[in-house]
Protein backbone atom coordinates (compact mmCIF):
# COMPACT_ATOMS: atom_id res chain seq x y z
CA VAL A 1 48.57 90.76 163.58
CA LEU A 2 45.06 90.57 161.81
CA ALA A 3 47.03 91.34 158.67
CA ARG A 4 48.72 87.90 158.66
CA ALA A 5 45.70 86.22 160.16
CA MET A 6 44.03 87.55 156.89
CA LEU A 7 46.66 86.46 154.69
CA LEU A 8 46.69 82.52 155.95
CA VAL A 9 42.93 82.42 155.45
CA VAL A 10 43.25 83.96 151.99
CA ARG A 11 46.47 81.54 151.21
CA VAL A 12 44.19 78.71 152.53
CA GLY A 13 40.75 79.39 151.52
CA ALA A 14 39.43 79.07 155.07
CA PRO A 15 36.10 79.69 155.22
CA THR A 16 36.27 81.34 158.73
CA LEU A 17 38.49 83.35 160.56
CA LEU A 18 38.57 83.14 164.10
CA LEU A 19 39.13 85.60 166.65
CA ASP A 20 39.39 85.32 170.60
CA VAL A 21 39.59 88.53 171.97
CA SER A 22 38.67 87.19 175.43
CA GLY A 23 42.26 88.19 176.93
CA LEU A 24 42.31 91.49 175.60
CA ALA A 25 43.08 93.97 178.37
CA ASP A 26 40.79 96.84 176.17
CA ALA A 27 38.85 95.61 173.22
CA SER A 28 37.69 99.05 172.67
CA ALA A 29 41.09 100.49 172.66
CA ARG A 30 42.10 102.72 170.17
CA PRO A 31 44.40 100.50 168.03
CA VAL A 32 42.17 97.67 168.65
CA THR A 33 39.42 99.40 166.78
CA ALA A 34 41.86 100.87 164.26
CA ALA A 35 43.01 97.11 163.53
CA MET A 36 39.52 96.21 163.21
CA THR A 37 38.13 98.95 161.03
CA ARG A 38 41.34 98.04 158.54
CA LEU A 39 39.70 93.90 158.71
CA PHE A 40 36.75 94.85 157.94
CA GLU A 41 37.92 97.62 154.86
CA HIS A 42 40.07 94.43 153.48
CA ARG A 43 39.03 93.26 150.02
CA ARG A 44 38.36 89.44 150.84
CA MET A 45 36.80 90.49 153.93
CA GLY A 46 33.10 89.98 152.16
CA GLN A 47 34.41 85.95 151.58
CA VAL A 48 35.44 85.50 154.77
CA GLU A 49 33.10 84.71 158.03
CA LEU A 50 34.50 86.37 161.08
CA ALA A 51 33.87 84.23 163.92
CA VAL A 52 35.06 86.25 167.36
CA ILE A 53 35.10 84.63 170.74
CA GLY A 54 34.87 86.56 174.36
CA ALA A 55 33.75 90.10 173.37
CA ALA A 56 31.93 92.06 175.77
CA ALA A 57 28.13 93.02 174.83
CA PRO A 58 29.53 97.23 173.96
CA VAL A 59 32.16 96.15 172.08
CA ALA A 60 30.50 93.24 169.71
CA GLU A 61 27.97 95.92 169.52
CA ARG A 62 30.26 98.12 168.13
CA TRP A 63 31.85 95.67 166.21
CA ARG A 64 28.83 94.24 164.41
CA ARG A 65 27.48 97.63 163.44
CA ALA A 66 31.40 98.43 161.75
CA ALA A 67 31.33 94.50 159.91
CA GLU A 68 27.73 95.34 158.75
CA ALA A 69 28.82 98.35 157.14
CA HIS A 70 31.69 96.76 155.45
CA THR A 71 29.27 93.69 154.23
CA VAL A 72 31.48 91.21 156.54
CA ALA A 73 29.69 88.29 157.44
CA THR A 74 30.13 87.65 161.81
CA THR A 75 29.14 85.52 164.24
CA TRP A 76 30.00 85.63 168.10
CA PHE A 77 31.15 83.48 170.37
CA GLU A 78 31.59 82.72 174.56
CA ARG A 79 33.76 79.93 174.52
CA PHE A 80 36.44 79.02 171.78
CA ASP A 81 35.71 75.52 171.31
CA ASP A 82 32.28 76.38 170.19
CA ALA A 83 33.49 78.67 167.44
CA LEU A 84 36.25 76.31 166.54
CA ALA A 85 33.05 73.46 165.72
CA HIS A 86 31.03 76.00 163.68
CA ALA A 87 34.63 76.94 161.63
CA ALA A 88 35.35 73.15 161.42
CA ARG A 89 31.73 72.22 159.86
CA ARG A 90 31.78 75.93 157.27
CA ALA A 91 35.45 73.95 156.42
CA GLY A 92 33.52 70.08 155.31
CA LEU A 93 35.34 69.17 159.03
CA GLY A 94 33.91 67.17 161.38
CA ILE A 95 34.89 67.35 165.28
CA VAL A 96 33.59 64.76 167.66
CA ARG A 97 33.21 65.73 171.30
CA ARG A 98 33.76 63.42 174.05
CA SER A 99 32.52 64.26 177.48
């Protein structure tokens, strides 16, 4: 799944990849950790900011260290709408929020 997401980001030249992990039963499971490692190692990730939504503190800290080791820029959000607004701003788009 992450490889497909990366292909889409590269194809359209998106500056930010949104990754919502709030629905994962165990974000620290071995398959998830392996997928994140492959994502951080991707040669184009240095050009893309990874915006992670809903990661628990221990997982976020582990992923933050891994991202830094691979010089991947990350931002961390609790809410998807905040991450989406951030990504839109980075892409030069404006989003108007209504209360």
